[in-house]
Amino acid sequence: MNEAIQKALQEDTLVDITPTGRKTGEPRKFEIMLRRHGGKYYIAGQPERKGWYANMVANPEIILYLKQSAQADLPATAHPVLDAATRRELFQAFFGDSEMMDDLEKWIEAAKLIEIRLS
């Protein structure tokens, strides 16, 4: 992996992800924030939006598209984060001192959280 891609993985915030639809079998590309913690990559979504999450659980092989400071299509796998203590640690790290901390318990309980592991 070249230096520009490594830098983008550490600094860029918006990426595209393409999971495969669990019902249609068709790829579904969408934009999402890439988060980092402890040298790992994560994506998270609001509790109300579930389709993309269900697709990744059913078909964990995805493509992560870098598109800000560097462009690259990176094969990866999606791994749901289910452990409550881990979820708490991650959401606290992601939210910091922002207003989102007001809804921390809701996010821990119901939000969709995926670890992205590059292939």
Protein backbone atom coordinates (compact mmCIF):
# COMPACT_ATOMS: atom_id res chain seq x y z
CA MET A 1 0.00 0.00 0.00
CA ASN A 2 1.54 3.31 -1.03
CA GLU A 3 2.15 6.27 1.25
CA ALA A 4 -0.72 8.39 -0.15
CA ILE A 5 -3.23 5.61 0.55
CA GLN A 6 -1.87 5.05 4.05
CA LYS A 7 -2.12 8.79 4.75
CA ALA A 8 -5.69 8.90 3.39
CA LEU A 9 -6.69 6.00 5.63
CA GLN A 10 -5.39 7.95 8.63
CA GLU A 11 -6.79 11.38 7.77
CA ASP A 12 -9.74 11.28 5.37
CA THR A 13 -13.21 11.27 6.87
CA LEU A 14 -15.57 10.46 3.98
CA VAL A 15 -15.43 7.22 2.02
CA ASP A 16 -17.74 5.23 -0.16
CA ILE A 17 -18.61 1.64 0.69
CA THR A 18 -20.12 -0.96 -1.61
CA PRO A 19 -21.78 -3.91 0.07
CA THR A 20 -23.87 -6.45 -1.84
CA GLY A 21 -27.62 -6.36 -1.34
CA ARG A 22 -28.83 -9.34 0.68
CA LYS A 23 -32.07 -9.61 -1.31
CA THR A 24 -31.07 -8.34 -4.76
CA GLY A 25 -27.48 -9.51 -4.92
CA GLU A 26 -26.68 -6.12 -6.46
CA PRO A 27 -23.90 -3.83 -5.23
CA ARG A 28 -25.10 -0.73 -3.35
CA LYS A 29 -22.63 2.14 -3.11
CA PHE A 30 -23.07 4.82 -0.45
CA GLU A 31 -21.07 7.50 1.34
CA ILE A 32 -20.25 7.21 5.03
CA MET A 33 -17.83 8.60 7.60
CA LEU A 34 -14.74 6.53 8.30
CA ARG A 35 -13.73 6.51 11.95
CA ARG A 36 -10.49 5.31 13.49
CA HIS A 37 -9.63 4.03 16.95
CA GLY A 38 -6.75 1.92 18.19
CA GLY A 39 -5.34 1.41 14.70
CA LYS A 40 -8.63 0.00 13.39
CA TYR A 41 -11.25 1.39 11.01
CA TYR A 42 -14.97 1.70 11.73
CA ILE A 43 -18.20 2.91 10.23
CA ALA A 44 -21.32 3.65 12.23
CA GLY A 45 -24.87 4.51 11.35
CA GLN A 46 -27.91 5.86 13.09
CA PRO A 47 -30.18 3.32 14.76
CA GLU A 48 -33.04 4.05 12.36
CA ARG A 49 -31.15 3.16 9.16
CA LYS A 50 -30.58 -0.58 8.92
CA GLY A 51 -30.48 -1.73 5.29
CA TRP A 52 -26.79 -1.20 4.69
CA TYR A 53 -25.95 -2.93 7.98
CA ALA A 54 -28.09 -5.96 7.20
CA ASN A 55 -26.44 -6.18 3.78
CA MET A 56 -22.96 -6.21 5.35
CA VAL A 57 -23.93 -8.83 7.92
CA ALA A 58 -25.30 -11.06 5.14
CA ASN A 59 -22.44 -10.33 2.71
CA PRO A 60 -19.38 -9.09 4.61
CA GLU A 61 -17.08 -8.76 1.58
CA ILE A 62 -17.12 -5.07 0.61
CA ILE A 63 -15.14 -2.43 -1.28
CA LEU A 64 -13.91 0.67 0.56
CA TYR A 65 -13.39 3.59 -1.82
CA LEU A 66 -11.02 6.35 -0.80
CA LYS A 67 -11.98 9.59 -2.53
CA GLN A 68 -10.61 12.61 -0.71
CA SER A 69 -6.83 13.05 -0.51
CA ALA A 70 -6.18 9.85 -2.48
CA GLN A 71 -8.24 7.58 -4.67
CA ALA A 72 -8.22 3.82 -4.19
CA ASP A 73 -10.62 0.88 -4.24
CA LEU A 74 -9.73 -1.38 -1.32
CA PRO A 75 -11.24 -4.82 -0.74
CA ALA A 76 -12.29 -5.30 2.87
CA THR A 77 -14.54 -7.30 5.16
CA ALA A 78 -17.20 -5.99 7.51
CA HIS A 79 -17.33 -7.22 11.10
CA PRO A 80 -20.23 -6.10 13.32
CA VAL A 81 -19.19 -4.79 16.74
CA LEU A 82 -21.66 -6.25 19.23
CA ASP A 83 -19.93 -6.17 22.63
CA ALA A 84 -21.50 -3.40 24.74
CA ALA A 85 -18.27 -2.40 26.49
CA THR A 86 -16.44 -2.13 23.18
CA ARG A 87 -19.30 -0.16 21.67
CA ARG A 88 -19.25 2.25 24.63
CA GLU A 89 -15.49 2.78 24.31
CA LEU A 90 -15.73 3.39 20.57
CA PHE A 91 -18.70 5.76 20.62
CA GLN A 92 -17.16 7.75 23.48
CA ALA A 93 -13.97 8.07 21.42
CA PHE A 94 -15.89 9.02 18.26
CA PHE A 95 -18.12 11.59 19.94
CA GLY A 96 -15.58 13.21 22.27
CA ASP A 97 -17.10 16.34 23.77
CA SER A 98 -19.70 16.81 21.05
CA GLU A 99 -23.45 17.11 21.55
CA MET A 100 -23.77 13.52 20.34
CA MET A 101 -22.69 12.42 23.81
CA ASP A 102 -26.23 13.34 24.91
CA ASP A 103 -27.47 10.31 22.95
CA LEU A 104 -24.60 7.98 23.89
CA GLU A 105 -26.80 5.29 25.48
CA LYS A 106 -29.07 5.21 22.43
CA TRP A 107 -26.07 4.76 20.14
CA ILE A 108 -24.56 2.02 22.31
CA GLU A 109 -27.85 0.14 22.41
CA ALA A 110 -29.13 0.50 18.87
CA ALA A 111 -26.68 2.07 16.40
CA LYS A 112 -25.09 0.04 13.66
CA LEU A 113 -21.32 -0.30 14.19
CA ILE A 114 -18.96 -2.14 11.86
CA GLU A 115 -15.22 -2.72 12.01
CA ILE A 116 -13.72 -2.58 8.51
CA ARG A 117 -10.76 -4.90 7.99
CA LEU A 118 -8.77 -4.34 4.83
CA SER A 119 -8.02 -7.50 2.86
